[in-house]
Each structure stands twice: as C-alpha cells, then as structure tokens.
Amino acid sequence: MSLPLSPRDGGERYPGFSSVDESDHWDQATQGAVLVRLGLPPDIRFFTPREEAVARALFDQLLDQQSDPRVPVVNMVDSRLAEAETDGWRYADLPEDGQAWRETLAALDRDAVERHGQGFPEVTLDQQASLLRAVQDLGSKKWHGMTSARVWSLWTRYACTAFYSHPWAWDEIGFPGPAYPRGYKNLGLDRLEPFEVRDARPDQDPAAKAGGDG
C-alpha cells in the first residue's frame, strides 16, 4: 500500500518520514483502525458549539497546534465522550468525565471573561496561556470547586491520548506505527530497525536537554 506523506512530513527531526509507509506490514484490522484516522474527522456530537470552540482553543494551547494542518484532537475527544469511552476510572471528587468536561470548559471560559472581558477562544494566545498556567499552578488547591491538578490531568490525558494515536504525530516523533505482526528485533538504546529513521536533530530532544534519563 502506498500512501502520501502526511502534511506534517516528519517535521525537522524526521524529514520525509511517514509512518503510513509501513502500513503494508500491519494486519488488516490494524490498517483499518489506523488509516481511518487520516480521513475526515468525525462529526461533533457531544460538545455544544460553544464548548467546541473553548475545547479547540484549549487543545491548541496544550499541544502547541497553532496552525494547520492540525491533528483533529477535539473531534477525537468528542467522539470518545459521545460514546462514553472513558479510561474506566475517574477521580472520586470529579464528576463523570463527560460532565467534568462540560463544567471545566465552562469554568475556563468564565475565567477569561472575568479577567479579559472576552471568552477563552476570543482572547489572545498569550492570555490563553496565562489562564492555563493559573490553573496548573494551583496544584492541589481548588479551582471552581474542583482540585486543579485533577482537572489538569483530565485535560492532558484526553489531549495526549488523542494526539498520539494519530499517524501525523507518529511522523513527528519517528514512530513507524504498530509492531504487529512484524515486531522488533533490534532491542536496546539507539538501536534502530531497518524501517526506522534516525533523528536528524537530536539536539532538540527534550530528554537530552534535561540531562538524559536521570
């Protein structure tokens, strides 16, 4: 199967790399599950129009997606919530995930109006970032009656699950996709398979900047 490179084209670190080039090595079920993510994103069914707008701005900030093409994270999260596909657990002091999303998006929008006179999607990117830092910095303290760290966990958990399930995100981290049924044989640090691509910009590795694995 030959599919075109994603619009993100591997980014600066893996230029020209496309995870879907490996799709011939996936079984049929895996191909179906993964390649459908490259089609039109699912319709919004859970979020109201206002919630959708706030969620889009929130995800763009959390994932630093400020221009197209974007991984359609809000549509993917909306689909999960519409189908009640949660992680199978929740914090006891938060509502069920769907209701928690509605309440936290509304609270974030209110904060923007109170501090800047406009809703969260309408304020500047710097103002959005400041509002989110204020939530994150509260840690174990309460934010609109909810533990801030748990709200932050809800947001980032759903955002990262959606984003890193998409082949465009795989292209940017050099991940060639599911190992089944081919598998991996070159196990060990910095040992690549023939179908993997070496990082062209290892200086951009956050782990290296932080001092390695320690």
C-alpha atoms as a PDB file:
ATOM      1  CA  MET A   1       0.000   0.000   0.000  1.00  0.00           C
ATOM      2  CA  SER A   2       1.426   3.393  -0.941  1.00  0.00           C
ATOM      3  CA  LEU A   3       0.027   6.442   0.782  1.00  0.00           C
ATOM      4  CA  PRO A   4       1.281  10.039   0.501  1.00  0.00           C
ATOM      5  CA  LEU A   5       3.342  11.668   3.206  1.00  0.00           C
ATOM      6  CA  SER A   6       1.360  13.439   5.853  1.00  0.00           C
ATOM      7  CA  PRO A   7       1.114  17.236   5.572  1.00  0.00           C
ATOM      8  CA  ARG A   8       3.452  17.394   8.565  1.00  0.00           C
ATOM      9  CA  ASP A   9       6.095  15.387   6.639  1.00  0.00           C
ATOM     10  CA  GLY A  10       8.079  14.242   9.666  1.00  0.00           C
ATOM     11  CA  GLY A  11       8.937  17.760  10.765  1.00  0.00           C
ATOM     12  CA  GLU A  12      12.528  18.938  11.197  1.00  0.00           C
ATOM     13  CA  ARG A  13      13.643  15.897  13.168  1.00  0.00           C
ATOM     14  CA  TYR A  14      12.468  13.141  10.788  1.00  0.00           C
ATOM     15  CA  PRO A  15      12.195  14.866   7.393  1.00  0.00           C
ATOM     16  CA  GLY A  16      10.415  12.818   4.754  1.00  0.00           C
ATOM     17  CA  PHE A  17       9.381  10.151   7.236  1.00  0.00           C
ATOM     18  CA  SER A  18       5.823   8.804   7.042  1.00  0.00           C
ATOM     19  CA  SER A  19       4.550   6.112   9.380  1.00  0.00           C
ATOM     20  CA  VAL A  20       1.860   5.016   6.917  1.00  0.00           C
ATOM     21  CA  ASP A  21       4.594   3.875   4.535  1.00  0.00           C
ATOM     22  CA  GLU A  22       4.853   0.876   6.883  1.00  0.00           C
ATOM     23  CA  SER A  23       1.153   0.027   6.697  1.00  0.00           C
ATOM     24  CA  ASP A  24       1.780  -2.937   4.368  1.00  0.00           C
ATOM     25  CA  HIS A  25       3.380  -4.648   7.353  1.00  0.00           C
ATOM     26  CA  TRP A  26       0.290  -4.242   9.561  1.00  0.00           C
ATOM     27  CA  ASP A  27      -2.511  -6.768   9.627  1.00  0.00           C
ATOM     28  CA  GLN A  28      -5.859  -5.840   8.087  1.00  0.00           C
ATOM     29  CA  ALA A  29      -7.530  -4.945  11.386  1.00  0.00           C
ATOM     30  CA  THR A  30      -4.658  -2.640  12.331  1.00  0.00           C
ATOM     31  CA  GLN A  31      -4.698  -0.976   8.914  1.00  0.00           C
ATOM     32  CA  GLY A  32      -8.396  -0.294   9.273  1.00  0.00           C
ATOM     33  CA  ALA A  33      -8.083   1.075  12.798  1.00  0.00           C
ATOM     34  CA  VAL A  34      -5.174   3.387  11.987  1.00  0.00           C
ATOM     35  CA  LEU A  35      -5.782   4.585   8.440  1.00  0.00           C
ATOM     36  CA  VAL A  36      -9.333   5.712   9.160  1.00  0.00           C
ATOM     37  CA  ARG A  37      -7.765   8.397  11.377  1.00  0.00           C
ATOM     38  CA  LEU A  38      -6.400  10.036   8.233  1.00  0.00           C
ATOM     39  CA  GLY A  39      -9.858  10.517   6.759  1.00  0.00           C
ATOM     40  CA  LEU A  40     -12.400  13.205   7.516  1.00  0.00           C
ATOM     41  CA  PRO A  41     -12.637  13.739  11.287  1.00  0.00           C
ATOM     42  CA  PRO A  42     -15.843  12.533  12.928  1.00  0.00           C
ATOM     43  CA  ASP A  43     -18.676  15.000  13.313  1.00  0.00           C
ATOM     44  CA  ILE A  44     -19.044  16.812  16.627  1.00  0.00           C
ATOM     45  CA  ARG A  45     -21.792  15.051  18.591  1.00  0.00           C
ATOM     46  CA  PHE A  46     -21.056  15.696  22.269  1.00  0.00           C
ATOM     47  CA  PHE A  47     -19.834  19.259  22.647  1.00  0.00           C
ATOM     48  CA  THR A  48     -22.139  22.222  22.154  1.00  0.00           C
ATOM     49  CA  PRO A  49     -20.873  24.825  19.654  1.00  0.00           C
ATOM     50  CA  ARG A  50     -19.513  26.965  22.498  1.00  0.00           C
ATOM     51  CA  GLU A  51     -17.881  24.014  24.244  1.00  0.00           C
ATOM     52  CA  GLU A  52     -16.316  23.002  20.939  1.00  0.00           C
ATOM     53  CA  ALA A  53     -14.817  26.477  20.480  1.00  0.00           C
ATOM     54  CA  VAL A  54     -13.362  26.502  24.002  1.00  0.00           C
ATOM     55  CA  ALA A  55     -12.072  22.948  23.635  1.00  0.00           C
ATOM     56  CA  ARG A  56     -10.367  23.752  20.312  1.00  0.00           C
ATOM     57  CA  ALA A  57      -8.566  26.713  21.841  1.00  0.00           C
ATOM     58  CA  LEU A  58      -7.617  24.633  24.891  1.00  0.00           C
ATOM     59  CA  PHE A  59      -6.196  21.762  22.836  1.00  0.00           C
ATOM     60  CA  ASP A  60      -4.314  24.140  20.535  1.00  0.00           C
ATOM     61  CA  GLN A  61      -2.598  25.553  23.624  1.00  0.00           C
ATOM     62  CA  LEU A  62      -1.895  22.218  25.305  1.00  0.00           C
ATOM     63  CA  LEU A  63      -0.475  20.663  22.135  1.00  0.00           C
ATOM     64  CA  ASP A  64       1.009  23.804  20.550  1.00  0.00           C
ATOM     65  CA  GLN A  65      -1.058  23.375  17.391  1.00  0.00           C
ATOM     66  CA  GLN A  66      -1.419  26.964  16.279  1.00  0.00           C
ATOM     67  CA  SER A  67      -1.671  26.433  12.522  1.00  0.00           C
ATOM     68  CA  ASP A  68      -2.998  23.900  10.046  1.00  0.00           C
ATOM     69  CA  PRO A  69      -2.654  21.051   9.448  1.00  0.00           C
ATOM     70  CA  ARG A  70      -3.775  20.075  12.929  1.00  0.00           C
ATOM     71  CA  VAL A  71      -4.404  16.621  14.337  1.00  0.00           C
ATOM     72  CA  PRO A  72      -8.222  16.819  14.855  1.00  0.00           C
ATOM     73  CA  VAL A  73      -7.982  16.295  18.593  1.00  0.00           C
ATOM     74  CA  VAL A  74     -11.252  17.994  19.524  1.00  0.00           C
ATOM     75  CA  ASN A  75     -13.193  15.727  17.149  1.00  0.00           C
ATOM     76  CA  MET A  76     -11.448  12.648  18.510  1.00  0.00           C
ATOM     77  CA  VAL A  77     -12.140  13.598  22.124  1.00  0.00           C
ATOM     78  CA  ASP A  78     -15.727  14.499  21.265  1.00  0.00           C
ATOM     79  CA  SER A  79     -16.197  11.070  19.682  1.00  0.00           C
ATOM     80  CA  ARG A  80     -14.919   9.351  22.843  1.00  0.00           C
ATOM     81  CA  LEU A  81     -17.230  11.372  25.054  1.00  0.00           C
ATOM     82  CA  ALA A  82     -20.226  10.810  22.761  1.00  0.00           C
ATOM     83  CA  GLU A  83     -19.640   7.059  23.022  1.00  0.00           C
ATOM     84  CA  ALA A  84     -18.801   7.233  26.766  1.00  0.00           C
ATOM     85  CA  GLU A  85     -15.401   5.666  26.023  1.00  0.00           C
ATOM     86  CA  THR A  86     -13.609   6.746  29.188  1.00  0.00           C
ATOM     87  CA  ASP A  87     -10.417   5.416  30.764  1.00  0.00           C
ATOM     88  CA  GLY A  88     -12.552   3.215  33.012  1.00  0.00           C
ATOM     89  CA  TRP A  89     -11.895   5.253  36.147  1.00  0.00           C
ATOM     90  CA  ARG A  90     -12.286   8.788  37.451  1.00  0.00           C
ATOM     91  CA  TYR A  91     -11.331  10.855  40.445  1.00  0.00           C
ATOM     92  CA  ALA A  92     -13.936  10.497  43.184  1.00  0.00           C
ATOM     93  CA  ASP A  93     -14.197  14.273  43.643  1.00  0.00           C
ATOM     94  CA  LEU A  94     -14.783  14.976  39.954  1.00  0.00           C
ATOM     95  CA  PRO A  95     -17.992  14.276  38.015  1.00  0.00           C
ATOM     96  CA  GLU A  96     -18.123  11.598  35.341  1.00  0.00           C
ATOM     97  CA  ASP A  97     -15.778  12.535  32.500  1.00  0.00           C
ATOM     98  CA  GLY A  98     -18.414  13.936  30.152  1.00  0.00           C
ATOM     99  CA  GLN A  99     -19.877  16.209  32.814  1.00  0.00           C
ATOM    100  CA  ALA A 100     -16.394  17.129  34.033  1.00  0.00           C
ATOM    101  CA  TRP A 101     -15.511  18.297  30.540  1.00  0.00           C
ATOM    102  CA  ARG A 102     -18.636  20.426  30.314  1.00  0.00           C
ATOM    103  CA  GLU A 103     -18.035  22.025  33.714  1.00  0.00           C
ATOM    104  CA  THR A 104     -14.329  22.683  33.251  1.00  0.00           C
ATOM    105  CA  LEU A 105     -14.718  24.191  29.781  1.00  0.00           C
ATOM    106  CA  ALA A 106     -17.438  26.498  31.097  1.00  0.00           C
ATOM    107  CA  ALA A 107     -15.263  27.482  34.064  1.00  0.00           C
ATOM    108  CA  LEU A 108     -12.285  28.241  31.814  1.00  0.00           C
ATOM    109  CA  ASP A 109     -14.495  30.404  29.601  1.00  0.00           C
ATOM    110  CA  ARG A 110     -15.789  32.291  32.655  1.00  0.00           C
ATOM    111  CA  ASP A 111     -12.253  32.944  33.873  1.00  0.00           C
ATOM    112  CA  ALA A 112     -11.395  34.518  30.530  1.00  0.00           C
ATOM    113  CA  VAL A 113     -14.459  36.773  30.606  1.00  0.00           C
ATOM    114  CA  GLU A 114     -13.792  37.844  34.203  1.00  0.00           C
ATOM    115  CA  ARG A 115     -10.115  38.649  33.587  1.00  0.00           C
ATOM    116  CA  HIS A 116     -10.112  39.882  29.998  1.00  0.00           C
ATOM    117  CA  GLY A 117     -13.689  40.739  29.064  1.00  0.00           C
ATOM    118  CA  GLN A 118     -13.894  38.036  26.359  1.00  0.00           C
ATOM    119  CA  GLY A 119     -14.325  34.276  26.280  1.00  0.00           C
ATOM    120  CA  PHE A 120     -11.404  31.865  26.141  1.00  0.00           C
ATOM    121  CA  PRO A 121     -11.413  31.365  22.340  1.00  0.00           C
ATOM    122  CA  GLU A 122     -11.527  35.136  21.754  1.00  0.00           C
ATOM    123  CA  VAL A 123      -8.664  36.308  23.997  1.00  0.00           C
ATOM    124  CA  THR A 124      -5.071  36.419  22.743  1.00  0.00           C
ATOM    125  CA  LEU A 125      -2.841  33.357  22.714  1.00  0.00           C
ATOM    126  CA  ASP A 126      -0.722  34.850  25.497  1.00  0.00           C
ATOM    127  CA  GLN A 127      -3.822  35.457  27.594  1.00  0.00           C
ATOM    128  CA  GLN A 128      -4.977  31.888  26.996  1.00  0.00           C
ATOM    129  CA  ALA A 129      -1.587  30.578  28.079  1.00  0.00           C
ATOM    130  CA  SER A 130      -1.684  32.729  31.225  1.00  0.00           C
ATOM    131  CA  LEU A 131      -5.143  31.439  32.135  1.00  0.00           C
ATOM    132  CA  LEU A 132      -3.982  27.845  31.753  1.00  0.00           C
ATOM    133  CA  ARG A 133      -0.832  28.439  33.798  1.00  0.00           C
ATOM    134  CA  ALA A 134      -3.022  29.832  36.563  1.00  0.00           C
ATOM    135  CA  VAL A 135      -4.981  26.567  36.631  1.00  0.00           C
ATOM    136  CA  GLN A 136      -1.860  24.412  36.524  1.00  0.00           C
ATOM    137  CA  ASP A 137      -0.076  26.423  39.223  1.00  0.00           C
ATOM    138  CA  LEU A 138      -2.877  25.821  41.725  1.00  0.00           C
ATOM    139  CA  GLY A 139      -1.802  22.180  42.009  1.00  0.00           C
ATOM    140  CA  SER A 140      -3.739  20.504  44.805  1.00  0.00           C
ATOM    141  CA  LYS A 141      -5.756  23.648  45.535  1.00  0.00           C
ATOM    142  CA  LYS A 142      -9.319  24.139  44.381  1.00  0.00           C
ATOM    143  CA  TRP A 143     -10.324  25.707  41.081  1.00  0.00           C
ATOM    144  CA  HIS A 144     -14.063  26.336  40.749  1.00  0.00           C
ATOM    145  CA  GLY A 145     -14.641  23.728  43.452  1.00  0.00           C
ATOM    146  CA  MET A 146     -12.500  21.069  41.760  1.00  0.00           C
ATOM    147  CA  THR A 147      -8.931  20.018  42.541  1.00  0.00           C
ATOM    148  CA  SER A 148      -6.856  21.832  39.954  1.00  0.00           C
ATOM    149  CA  ALA A 149      -4.314  19.045  39.412  1.00  0.00           C
ATOM    150  CA  ARG A 150      -7.127  16.620  38.659  1.00  0.00           C
ATOM    151  CA  VAL A 151      -8.683  18.974  36.137  1.00  0.00           C
ATOM    152  CA  TRP A 152      -5.256  19.331  34.527  1.00  0.00           C
ATOM    153  CA  SER A 153      -4.945  15.542  34.432  1.00  0.00           C
ATOM    154  CA  LEU A 154      -8.352  15.247  32.738  1.00  0.00           C
ATOM    155  CA  TRP A 155      -7.429  17.760  30.050  1.00  0.00           C
ATOM    156  CA  THR A 156      -3.942  16.479  29.303  1.00  0.00           C
ATOM    157  CA  ARG A 157      -4.889  12.795  29.481  1.00  0.00           C
ATOM    158  CA  TYR A 158      -7.564  13.134  26.810  1.00  0.00           C
ATOM    159  CA  ALA A 159      -5.454  15.518  24.728  1.00  0.00           C
ATOM    160  CA  CYS A 160      -2.377  13.277  24.662  1.00  0.00           C
ATOM    161  CA  THR A 161      -4.337  10.067  24.086  1.00  0.00           C
ATOM    162  CA  ALA A 162      -5.984  11.577  21.014  1.00  0.00           C
ATOM    163  CA  PHE A 163      -2.909  13.341  19.648  1.00  0.00           C
ATOM    164  CA  TYR A 164      -0.518  10.405  19.936  1.00  0.00           C
ATOM    165  CA  SER A 165      -2.975   7.973  18.388  1.00  0.00           C
ATOM    166  CA  HIS A 166      -2.712   9.841  15.077  1.00  0.00           C
ATOM    167  CA  PRO A 167      -0.127   8.994  12.387  1.00  0.00           C
ATOM    168  CA  TRP A 168       0.777  12.662  11.918  1.00  0.00           C
ATOM    169  CA  ALA A 169       2.025  12.759  15.498  1.00  0.00           C
ATOM    170  CA  TRP A 170       3.920   9.497  14.931  1.00  0.00           C
ATOM    171  CA  ASP A 171       5.696  11.099  11.969  1.00  0.00           C
ATOM    172  CA  GLU A 172       6.964  13.906  14.170  1.00  0.00           C
ATOM    173  CA  ILE A 173       8.499  11.535  16.737  1.00  0.00           C
ATOM    174  CA  GLY A 174       9.800   8.960  14.240  1.00  0.00           C
ATOM    175  CA  PHE A 175       7.429   6.203  15.358  1.00  0.00           C
ATOM    176  CA  PRO A 176       6.765   3.764  12.491  1.00  0.00           C
ATOM    177  CA  GLY A 177       3.472   2.543  13.887  1.00  0.00           C
ATOM    178  CA  PRO A 178       2.223  -0.739  15.347  1.00  0.00           C
ATOM    179  CA  ALA A 179       4.775  -3.540  15.614  1.00  0.00           C
ATOM    180  CA  TYR A 180       2.221  -6.285  14.999  1.00  0.00           C
ATOM    181  CA  PRO A 181       2.704  -8.678  13.310  1.00  0.00           C
ATOM    182  CA  ARG A 182       6.258  -7.814  12.182  1.00  0.00           C
ATOM    183  CA  GLY A 183       7.662  -6.976  15.612  1.00  0.00           C
ATOM    184  CA  TYR A 184      11.007  -5.520  16.609  1.00  0.00           C
ATOM    185  CA  LYS A 185      14.359  -7.342  16.788  1.00  0.00           C
ATOM    186  CA  ASN A 186      16.966  -4.628  17.487  1.00  0.00           C
ATOM    187  CA  LEU A 187      16.188  -4.014  21.124  1.00  0.00           C
ATOM    188  CA  GLY A 188      18.301  -1.559  23.068  1.00  0.00           C
ATOM    189  CA  LEU A 189      19.131   2.124  23.343  1.00  0.00           C
ATOM    190  CA  ASP A 190      19.714   3.795  19.973  1.00  0.00           C
ATOM    191  CA  ARG A 191      19.434   0.522  18.043  1.00  0.00           C
ATOM    192  CA  LEU A 192      17.166   1.149  15.076  1.00  0.00           C
ATOM    193  CA  GLU A 193      15.261  -1.249  12.889  1.00  0.00           C
ATOM    194  CA  PRO A 194      15.860  -1.022   9.113  1.00  0.00           C
ATOM    195  CA  PHE A 195      12.490   0.679   8.741  1.00  0.00           C
ATOM    196  CA  GLU A 196      13.184   3.330  11.414  1.00  0.00           C
ATOM    197  CA  VAL A 197      14.708   6.735  10.695  1.00  0.00           C
ATOM    198  CA  ARG A 198      17.429   8.357  12.759  1.00  0.00           C
ATOM    199  CA  ASP A 199      16.694  11.704  14.394  1.00  0.00           C
ATOM    200  CA  ALA A 200      18.135  14.462  12.202  1.00  0.00           C
ATOM    201  CA  ARG A 201      18.084  16.959  15.077  1.00  0.00           C
ATOM    202  CA  PRO A 202      18.991  15.102  18.293  1.00  0.00           C
ATOM    203  CA  ASP A 203      19.859  18.466  19.842  1.00  0.00           C
ATOM    204  CA  GLN A 204      16.093  19.101  20.022  1.00  0.00           C
ATOM    205  CA  ASP A 205      15.492  16.055  22.242  1.00  0.00           C
ATOM    206  CA  PRO A 206      13.860  17.335  25.471  1.00  0.00           C
ATOM    207  CA  ALA A 207      15.366  14.419  27.416  1.00  0.00           C
ATOM    208  CA  ALA A 208      18.865  15.350  26.264  1.00  0.00           C
ATOM    209  CA  LYS A 209      18.319  18.956  27.249  1.00  0.00           C
ATOM    210  CA  ALA A 210      17.138  17.830  30.686  1.00  0.00           C
ATOM    211  CA  GLY A 211      20.283  15.797  31.243  1.00  0.00           C
ATOM    212  CA  GLY A 212      19.417  12.391  29.786  1.00  0.00           C
ATOM    213  CA  ASP A 213      17.408   9.784  31.612  1.00  0.00           C
ATOM    214  CA  GLY A 214      18.354  10.840  35.116  1.00  0.00           C
END
